[in-house]
C-alpha cells in the first residue's frame, strides 16, 4: 500500500457476501482518476473534505482478496464518491473479508461502515450475521461498532442538523415556487410582465436574504464544501436585487426584471428539492437530470439578463449620483458607483466563463442517458444557476 501524496480522503467501507462498497468523503470533485485492478484500487482527485478547502487527495489500497475489476464500478455525486467492488468467488462459503486491506496495519482515514455490513438477504437471520462477525472480525472492530454514533441513532428519526436543512430547503422551494407561480399568473392575466417585480418583490427579497445561510452552513459544519462560492453568489445576486433594481424605479417597471426572477425561481425549484432528497440519501433521477440540464441554458441566460439590467441602469445612477462619493470630504476618499458597475460588467463574462459548463460537461449531458448526471456532477461546481 502506498501513496505519493500525504493527504488521504476519509473512507468508509462496508461489504456483503458478494460486494465491497467504499464511500470516499469528498465534495466538489474535479479531475478524478479511479483505477480498479483485481488486487488493488488507486484514487486521485481534487476536492474538499471538511474545512480543508480544495486540495489534492489520493490513496492506493492493496485489497484483502481479489475482485472482478470489470464488474466493479464507481459513481461521483455532490456529497461523496461511491465505489462498488465485485468479489471473486472462492472456496470460503461465507466469502467475508475480515478487513479491507491486505496488510493488517490500521489506517486513521479508513473506517468500517457497519451500516453496510450485510451478509444475508434475510434480515431476520441475525444469528448467521452474528456468527460471521464473531468468526471474521476482531475485537477492535467490535469496539468501533459500539462507538459508531450511527448505530446509536434511532432509525426513523433524523438529527437536528438534517431536520433544519430539510426545513430550509423546503421553505426555499415553496417560496421560489410561489414567486414563479405569481409571475406566471401575472403574465397570463395581464398578457405581459410589466410591473411584475412589484408582485413578488417581498418574497424574492426574503429568499435572497435567507441565502446567506448557504454560506453559514459550511462554516459551522452543517454542510460540506466551500463557503466562498455560495458567498459570492449571495453577494452578487443581492447587489443586483437590493441595489441596482431596488433604487431604480424605472427598471422595476420593465419586463426585463421579471424575466430575471423567472430564471432565478425556475432554477431554484429544482435545486432545493435536489438538496432535500440528497439529505435523505435518496435519489430522484428526474430531478437530478432537470437540475443539471436546465443549468446549462439558464446560467448564461441569467448572467446575460443581469448584465442587461446593469447596463440599462447606468444612466439612472449617473444622473442621480446614488452611492457615489465625491471630493472634497473629510475622509479624502472618492467612489464612482457608475464606474464600479462598468468594471463589473467588463469582468462579469470572465467570471461566468470560469463557472460555466465546460465543453466536456456539455458533451456528457447530451451524449449520456437522460437521467445520467453522475459524470456531470464531478465536473461542475455546485453554484446557484
Protein backbone atom coordinates (compact mmCIF):
# COMPACT_ATOMS: atom_id res chain seq x y z
CA UNK A 1 0.00 0.00 0.00
CA UNK A 2 1.44 3.37 -0.97
CA UNK A 3 0.57 6.90 -1.69
CA UNK A 4 2.56 9.63 -3.32
CA UNK A 5 0.62 12.34 -1.53
CA UNK A 6 0.15 12.70 2.23
CA UNK A 7 -3.45 13.90 2.03
CA UNK A 8 -5.90 10.99 2.15
CA UNK A 9 -9.68 11.41 1.92
CA UNK A 10 -11.85 9.87 4.64
CA UNK A 11 -13.13 6.44 3.55
CA UNK A 12 -15.88 4.25 4.99
CA UNK A 13 -16.10 0.69 3.72
CA UNK A 14 -18.74 -1.99 4.00
CA UNK A 15 -19.44 -5.35 2.42
CA UNK A 16 -21.95 -8.01 1.57
CA UNK A 17 -21.23 -11.62 0.73
CA UNK A 18 -20.61 -10.63 -2.91
CA UNK A 19 -19.55 -6.95 -2.95
CA UNK A 20 -17.38 -4.40 -1.15
CA UNK A 21 -18.51 -0.76 -1.00
CA UNK A 22 -16.41 2.35 -0.37
CA UNK A 23 -17.69 5.83 0.44
CA UNK A 24 -14.97 8.43 -0.22
CA UNK A 25 -15.83 11.66 1.62
CA UNK A 26 -15.00 14.35 -0.94
CA UNK A 27 -17.18 17.14 -2.34
CA UNK A 28 -16.74 19.38 -5.39
CA UNK A 29 -14.65 16.65 -7.02
CA UNK A 30 -12.50 17.62 -10.01
CA UNK A 31 -10.22 15.58 -12.28
CA UNK A 32 -10.96 12.19 -10.71
CA UNK A 33 -8.73 9.23 -11.55
CA UNK A 34 -10.03 5.89 -10.28
CA UNK A 35 -8.16 2.73 -11.26
CA UNK A 36 -9.69 -0.57 -10.10
CA UNK A 37 -7.50 -3.65 -10.51
CA UNK A 38 -8.17 -7.20 -9.36
CA UNK A 39 -5.99 -6.81 -6.26
CA UNK A 40 -5.86 -3.03 -5.66
CA UNK A 41 -7.61 0.31 -6.10
CA UNK A 42 -5.90 3.62 -6.87
CA UNK A 43 -7.53 7.01 -6.50
CA UNK A 44 -6.58 10.63 -7.09
CA UNK A 45 -8.78 13.74 -7.31
CA UNK A 46 -9.05 17.37 -6.32
CA UNK A 47 -11.88 18.07 -3.88
CA UNK A 48 -12.99 19.36 -0.49
CA UNK A 49 -13.00 17.44 2.77
CA UNK A 50 -14.20 19.11 5.96
CA UNK A 51 -12.67 22.56 6.50
CA UNK A 52 -9.52 21.95 4.45
CA UNK A 53 -10.89 23.54 1.32
CA UNK A 54 -9.89 22.39 -2.13
CA UNK A 55 -6.91 20.01 -2.00
CA UNK A 56 -5.39 17.15 -3.97
CA UNK A 57 -6.20 13.78 -2.37
CA UNK A 58 -5.03 10.28 -3.26
CA UNK A 59 -4.66 6.76 -1.95
CA UNK A 60 -3.69 3.30 -3.07
CA UNK A 61 -5.10 0.24 -1.31
CA UNK A 62 -3.94 -3.34 -1.75
CA UNK A 63 -7.13 -5.32 -1.25
CA UNK A 64 -7.54 -8.26 1.12
CA UNK A 65 -8.64 -10.56 -1.71
CA UNK A 66 -9.04 -10.31 -5.46
CA UNK A 67 -12.04 -8.61 -7.07
CA UNK A 68 -13.59 -8.62 -10.52
CA UNK A 69 -12.30 -5.33 -11.94
CA UNK A 70 -14.61 -5.40 -14.97
CA UNK A 71 -17.73 -5.87 -12.85
CA UNK A 72 -16.69 -3.16 -10.38
CA UNK A 73 -17.72 0.48 -10.78
CA UNK A 74 -17.76 3.91 -9.16
CA UNK A 75 -20.08 6.92 -9.10
CA UNK A 76 -19.38 10.57 -8.26
CA UNK A 77 -22.05 12.79 -6.71
CA UNK A 78 -22.27 16.03 -4.71
CA UNK A 79 -21.55 14.55 -1.29
CA UNK A 80 -19.18 11.65 -1.89
CA UNK A 81 -17.69 9.12 -4.30
CA UNK A 82 -19.22 5.65 -4.15
CA UNK A 83 -17.17 2.63 -5.23
CA UNK A 84 -18.60 -0.86 -5.66
CA UNK A 85 -16.15 -3.78 -5.91
CA UNK A 86 -17.38 -7.19 -7.04
CA UNK A 87 -15.80 -10.01 -5.00
CA UNK A 88 -14.42 -13.04 -6.80
CA UNK A 89 -15.87 -16.33 -5.68
CA UNK A 90 -13.60 -18.54 -3.60
CA UNK A 91 -13.73 -21.73 -1.60
CA UNK A 92 -14.78 -19.86 1.54
CA UNK A 93 -18.54 -20.24 1.87
CA UNK A 94 -19.05 -17.01 3.77
CA UNK A 95 -16.74 -15.00 1.48
CA UNK A 96 -16.44 -12.38 4.22
CA UNK A 97 -13.36 -10.18 4.44
CA UNK A 98 -12.08 -9.54 7.98
CA UNK A 99 -10.66 -6.23 6.74
CA UNK A 100 -10.37 -4.22 3.52
CA UNK A 101 -6.58 -4.11 3.24
CA UNK A 102 -4.18 -6.96 2.71
CA UNK A 103 -1.89 -5.61 5.43
CA UNK A 104 -3.20 -5.56 8.99
CA UNK A 105 -1.94 -2.03 9.74
CA UNK A 106 -4.66 0.34 10.98
CA UNK A 107 -5.18 3.45 8.83
CA UNK A 108 -6.73 6.52 10.52
CA UNK A 109 -8.52 7.62 7.34
CA UNK A 110 -10.11 4.20 6.71
CA UNK A 111 -13.09 3.15 8.84
CA UNK A 112 -15.62 0.35 8.71
CA UNK A 113 -19.18 1.27 7.71
CA UNK A 114 -21.16 -1.18 9.83
CA UNK A 115 -24.46 0.02 8.40
CA UNK A 116 -23.37 -1.59 5.13
CA UNK A 117 -22.12 -4.87 6.61
CA UNK A 118 -24.82 -7.28 5.45
CA UNK A 119 -24.25 -10.91 4.57
CA UNK A 120 -27.76 -12.31 4.24
CA UNK A 121 -30.72 -11.30 2.16
CA UNK A 122 -32.99 -12.37 5.06
CA UNK A 123 -32.96 -9.61 7.67
CA UNK A 124 -34.36 -12.00 10.28
CA UNK A 125 -31.28 -14.21 10.05
CA UNK A 126 -29.46 -12.37 12.85
CA UNK A 127 -27.71 -15.47 14.20
CA UNK A 128 -25.96 -16.02 10.89
CA UNK A 129 -24.71 -12.42 10.84
CA UNK A 130 -23.57 -12.65 14.44
CA UNK A 131 -21.59 -15.83 13.85
CA UNK A 132 -19.92 -14.30 10.80
CA UNK A 133 -18.89 -11.25 12.80
CA UNK A 134 -17.55 -13.44 15.61
CA UNK A 135 -15.59 -15.54 13.16
CA UNK A 136 -14.15 -12.88 10.89
CA UNK A 137 -13.95 -9.57 12.78
CA UNK A 138 -11.52 -8.80 15.54
CA UNK A 139 -12.08 -7.03 18.84
CA UNK A 140 -11.09 -3.61 17.51
CA UNK A 141 -13.96 -3.76 15.03
CA UNK A 142 -16.40 -4.57 17.83
CA UNK A 143 -15.18 -1.53 19.73
CA UNK A 144 -15.66 0.62 16.66
CA UNK A 145 -19.15 -0.78 16.27
CA UNK A 146 -20.07 0.12 19.84
CA UNK A 147 -18.61 3.61 19.41
CA UNK A 148 -20.18 4.25 15.99
CA UNK A 149 -22.69 7.08 16.59
CA UNK A 150 -24.79 6.00 13.63
CA UNK A 151 -25.54 2.72 15.40
CA UNK A 152 -26.82 4.58 18.44
CA UNK A 153 -29.07 6.76 16.30
CA UNK A 154 -32.68 5.67 16.42
CA UNK A 155 -33.89 4.72 12.97
CA UNK A 156 -36.86 6.70 11.74
CA UNK A 157 -35.72 9.91 13.40
CA UNK A 158 -33.41 12.47 11.87
CA UNK A 159 -30.86 14.56 13.71
CA UNK A 160 -31.42 18.27 14.32
CA UNK A 161 -28.94 19.30 11.62
CA UNK A 162 -30.74 17.27 8.97
CA UNK A 163 -34.14 18.47 10.15
CA UNK A 164 -33.04 22.09 9.89
CA UNK A 165 -31.55 21.64 6.43
CA UNK A 166 -34.69 19.85 5.25
CA UNK A 167 -36.82 22.69 6.59
CA UNK A 168 -34.60 25.32 4.95
CA UNK A 169 -34.64 23.60 1.55
CA UNK A 170 -38.40 23.03 1.76
CA UNK A 171 -39.04 26.67 2.68
CA UNK A 172 -36.87 27.98 -0.15
CA UNK A 173 -38.53 25.62 -2.63
CA UNK A 174 -42.03 26.75 -1.60
CA UNK A 175 -41.03 30.42 -1.70
CA UNK A 176 -39.46 30.21 -5.15
CA UNK A 177 -42.37 28.12 -6.41
CA UNK A 178 -44.71 30.86 -5.16
CA UNK A 179 -42.64 33.52 -6.97
CA UNK A 180 -42.69 31.52 -10.19
CA UNK A 181 -46.45 30.89 -9.91
CA UNK A 182 -47.26 34.55 -9.18
CA UNK A 183 -45.21 35.74 -12.15
CA UNK A 184 -46.88 33.15 -14.39
CA UNK A 185 -50.36 34.25 -13.27
CA UNK A 186 -49.38 37.91 -13.80
CA UNK A 187 -48.26 37.09 -17.33
CA UNK A 188 -51.45 35.18 -18.09
CA UNK A 189 -53.85 37.80 -16.69
CA UNK A 190 -52.01 40.90 -17.96
CA UNK A 191 -50.58 39.50 -21.16
CA UNK A 192 -47.14 40.93 -20.32
CA UNK A 193 -44.61 41.08 -17.49
CA UNK A 194 -44.67 44.84 -16.96
CA UNK A 195 -44.75 45.71 -13.22
CA UNK A 196 -44.28 42.04 -12.40
CA UNK A 197 -41.47 42.90 -9.99
CA UNK A 198 -43.89 44.58 -7.56
CA UNK A 199 -45.97 41.40 -7.40
CA UNK A 200 -43.09 39.33 -5.99
CA UNK A 201 -40.76 41.98 -4.53
CA UNK A 202 -41.03 40.98 -0.86
CA UNK A 203 -40.82 37.18 -1.24
CA UNK A 204 -37.87 37.30 -3.64
CA UNK A 205 -36.02 39.63 -1.24
CA UNK A 206 -36.74 37.24 1.62
CA UNK A 207 -35.40 34.28 -0.37
CA UNK A 208 -32.22 36.08 -1.35
CA UNK A 209 -31.66 37.30 2.22
CA UNK A 210 -32.01 33.79 3.61
CA UNK A 211 -29.46 32.58 1.07
CA UNK A 212 -26.73 33.85 3.43
CA UNK A 213 -27.38 30.64 5.37
CA UNK A 214 -25.81 28.71 2.49
CA UNK A 215 -22.55 30.47 3.40
CA UNK A 216 -23.03 29.92 7.15
CA UNK A 217 -23.89 26.22 6.90
CA UNK A 218 -20.44 25.06 5.66
CA UNK A 219 -18.72 27.42 8.10
CA UNK A 220 -20.42 25.78 11.11
CA UNK A 221 -20.11 22.25 9.70
CA UNK A 222 -23.77 21.74 8.75
CA UNK A 223 -22.83 21.02 5.13
CA UNK A 224 -19.65 20.02 3.34
CA UNK A 225 -17.92 22.02 0.68
CA UNK A 226 -16.57 25.50 0.15
CA UNK A 227 -18.29 28.55 1.66
CA UNK A 228 -16.76 31.07 -0.77
CA UNK A 229 -18.78 30.03 -3.82
CA UNK A 230 -22.21 30.48 -2.16
CA UNK A 231 -20.93 33.68 -0.52
CA UNK A 232 -20.08 35.30 -3.86
CA UNK A 233 -23.38 34.07 -5.31
CA UNK A 234 -25.18 35.71 -2.41
CA UNK A 235 -23.14 38.91 -2.76
CA UNK A 236 -23.59 39.41 -6.49
CA UNK A 237 -27.25 38.42 -6.63
CA UNK A 238 -28.07 40.82 -3.83
CA UNK A 239 -26.05 43.57 -5.49
CA UNK A 240 -28.42 43.25 -8.44
CA UNK A 241 -31.59 42.90 -6.36
CA UNK A 242 -31.10 45.20 -3.36
CA UNK A 243 -29.01 47.90 -5.03
CA UNK A 244 -29.30 48.09 -8.81
CA UNK A 245 -33.00 47.19 -9.02
CA UNK A 246 -34.19 48.45 -5.64
CA UNK A 247 -33.03 52.05 -6.16
CA UNK A 248 -34.08 52.33 -9.78
CA UNK A 249 -37.87 52.66 -10.08
CA UNK A 250 -37.66 52.92 -13.84
CA UNK A 251 -36.08 49.49 -14.23
CA UNK A 252 -38.55 47.99 -11.74
CA UNK A 253 -41.43 48.51 -14.17
CA UNK A 254 -39.50 46.95 -17.06
CA UNK A 255 -40.36 43.37 -18.12
CA UNK A 256 -36.66 42.51 -18.01
CA UNK A 257 -36.63 42.29 -14.20
CA UNK A 258 -39.45 39.68 -14.01
CA UNK A 259 -37.57 37.74 -16.70
CA UNK A 260 -34.57 37.56 -14.39
CA UNK A 261 -36.77 36.47 -11.48
CA UNK A 262 -38.31 33.80 -13.72
CA UNK A 263 -34.82 32.40 -14.35
CA UNK A 264 -33.82 32.51 -10.67
CA UNK A 265 -37.02 30.90 -9.41
CA UNK A 266 -37.14 28.22 -12.11
CA UNK A 267 -33.62 27.06 -11.30
CA UNK A 268 -34.19 27.03 -7.54
CA UNK A 269 -37.39 24.98 -7.88
CA UNK A 270 -35.17 22.06 -8.87
CA UNK A 271 -32.04 22.89 -6.86
CA UNK A 272 -33.62 22.85 -3.40
CA UNK A 273 -35.64 19.63 -3.87
CA UNK A 274 -32.44 18.02 -5.16
CA UNK A 275 -30.62 19.00 -1.96
CA UNK A 276 -33.53 17.80 0.18
CA UNK A 277 -33.55 14.39 -1.47
CA UNK A 278 -29.78 14.08 -1.09
CA UNK A 279 -30.10 14.83 2.64
CA UNK A 280 -32.27 11.73 2.95
CA UNK A 281 -29.69 9.68 0.99
CA UNK A 282 -32.25 9.20 -1.76
CA UNK A 283 -32.02 9.78 -5.49
CA UNK A 284 -34.57 11.03 -7.97
CA UNK A 285 -33.29 10.72 -11.50
CA UNK A 286 -35.78 13.17 -12.97
CA UNK A 287 -34.95 15.97 -10.50
CA UNK A 288 -31.23 15.31 -10.90
CA UNK A 289 -31.49 15.47 -14.67
CA UNK A 290 -33.59 18.66 -14.64
CA UNK A 291 -31.33 20.28 -12.03
CA UNK A 292 -28.17 19.72 -14.10
CA UNK A 293 -29.64 20.10 -17.58
CA UNK A 294 -31.58 23.36 -17.23
CA UNK A 295 -28.48 24.83 -15.60
CA UNK A 296 -26.66 24.74 -18.96
CA UNK A 297 -29.12 27.17 -20.55
CA UNK A 298 -30.28 29.17 -17.53
CA UNK A 299 -26.85 30.05 -16.15
CA UNK A 300 -25.68 32.10 -19.17
CA UNK A 301 -29.22 33.43 -19.69
CA UNK A 302 -29.38 34.70 -16.09
CA UNK A 303 -25.92 36.26 -16.37
CA UNK A 304 -26.91 37.98 -19.62
CA UNK A 305 -30.11 39.44 -18.11
CA UNK A 306 -28.22 40.66 -15.04
CA UNK A 307 -25.72 42.42 -17.29
CA UNK A 308 -28.54 43.96 -19.31
CA UNK A 309 -30.20 45.30 -16.15
CA UNK A 310 -26.93 46.87 -15.02
CA UNK A 311 -26.33 48.41 -18.44
CA UNK A 312 -29.82 49.93 -18.57
CA UNK A 313 -29.34 51.36 -15.05
CA UNK A 314 -26.08 53.20 -15.75
CA UNK A 315 -27.74 56.43 -16.91
CA UNK A 316 -30.03 56.47 -13.87
CA UNK A 317 -27.18 56.17 -11.38
CA UNK A 318 -25.04 58.60 -13.35
CA UNK A 319 -27.74 61.28 -13.18
CA UNK A 320 -28.85 60.61 -9.60
CA UNK A 321 -25.40 60.07 -8.13
CA UNK A 322 -26.55 57.28 -5.80
CA UNK A 323 -23.76 55.53 -3.84
CA UNK A 324 -21.07 57.73 -5.37
CA UNK A 325 -18.76 59.70 -3.09
CA UNK A 326 -17.22 62.89 -4.42
CA UNK A 327 -14.34 65.02 -3.24
CA UNK A 328 -13.72 67.01 -1.17
CA UNK A 329 -14.79 65.21 2.03
CA UNK A 330 -13.31 64.54 5.47
CA UNK A 331 -12.18 61.05 4.57
CA UNK A 332 -10.48 62.33 1.40
CA UNK A 333 -11.98 59.35 -0.43
CA UNK A 334 -13.88 59.17 -3.71
CA UNK A 335 -16.01 56.39 -5.14
CA UNK A 336 -17.76 56.35 -8.51
CA UNK A 337 -20.60 53.82 -8.39
CA UNK A 338 -21.20 54.04 -12.15
CA UNK A 339 -17.55 53.24 -12.84
CA UNK A 340 -17.82 50.32 -10.41
CA UNK A 341 -20.80 48.93 -12.34
CA UNK A 342 -18.98 49.37 -15.63
CA UNK A 343 -15.96 47.46 -14.32
CA UNK A 344 -18.31 44.78 -13.01
CA UNK A 345 -19.87 44.48 -16.46
CA UNK A 346 -16.43 44.02 -18.05
CA UNK A 347 -15.34 41.36 -15.55
CA UNK A 348 -18.70 39.58 -15.47
CA UNK A 349 -18.17 37.46 -18.62
CA UNK A 350 -14.83 36.18 -17.32
CA UNK A 351 -16.41 35.12 -14.04
CA UNK A 352 -19.27 33.49 -15.95
CA UNK A 353 -16.88 31.57 -18.20
CA UNK A 354 -14.93 30.31 -15.20
CA UNK A 355 -18.01 28.71 -13.63
CA UNK A 356 -19.98 27.93 -16.78
CA UNK A 357 -20.33 24.35 -18.11
CA UNK A 358 -17.10 23.12 -19.66
CA UNK A 359 -17.24 21.58 -23.16
CA UNK A 360 -16.60 18.10 -21.75
CA UNK A 361 -19.55 18.55 -19.38
CA UNK A 362 -21.80 19.64 -22.24
CA UNK A 363 -20.73 16.55 -24.17
CA UNK A 364 -21.61 14.34 -21.24
CA UNK A 365 -25.01 16.00 -20.84
CA UNK A 366 -26.09 15.48 -24.42
CA UNK A 367 -24.46 12.11 -25.05
CA UNK A 368 -25.37 10.40 -21.78
CA UNK A 369 -28.71 8.81 -20.97
CA UNK A 370 -31.46 11.27 -19.98
CA UNK A 371 -31.03 10.62 -16.26
CA UNK A 372 -27.27 10.08 -16.09
CA UNK A 373 -25.82 13.15 -14.34
CA UNK A 374 -23.13 11.29 -12.43
CA UNK A 375 -20.15 12.42 -14.50
CA UNK A 376 -21.54 15.92 -14.84
CA UNK A 377 -21.60 16.29 -11.06
CA UNK A 378 -17.88 15.58 -10.97
CA UNK A 379 -17.10 18.39 -13.39
CA UNK A 380 -19.37 21.17 -12.18
CA UNK A 381 -19.30 23.50 -9.21
CA UNK A 382 -22.48 23.45 -7.20
CA UNK A 383 -23.47 27.01 -7.98
CA UNK A 384 -26.76 28.82 -7.83
CA UNK A 385 -27.57 29.00 -11.53
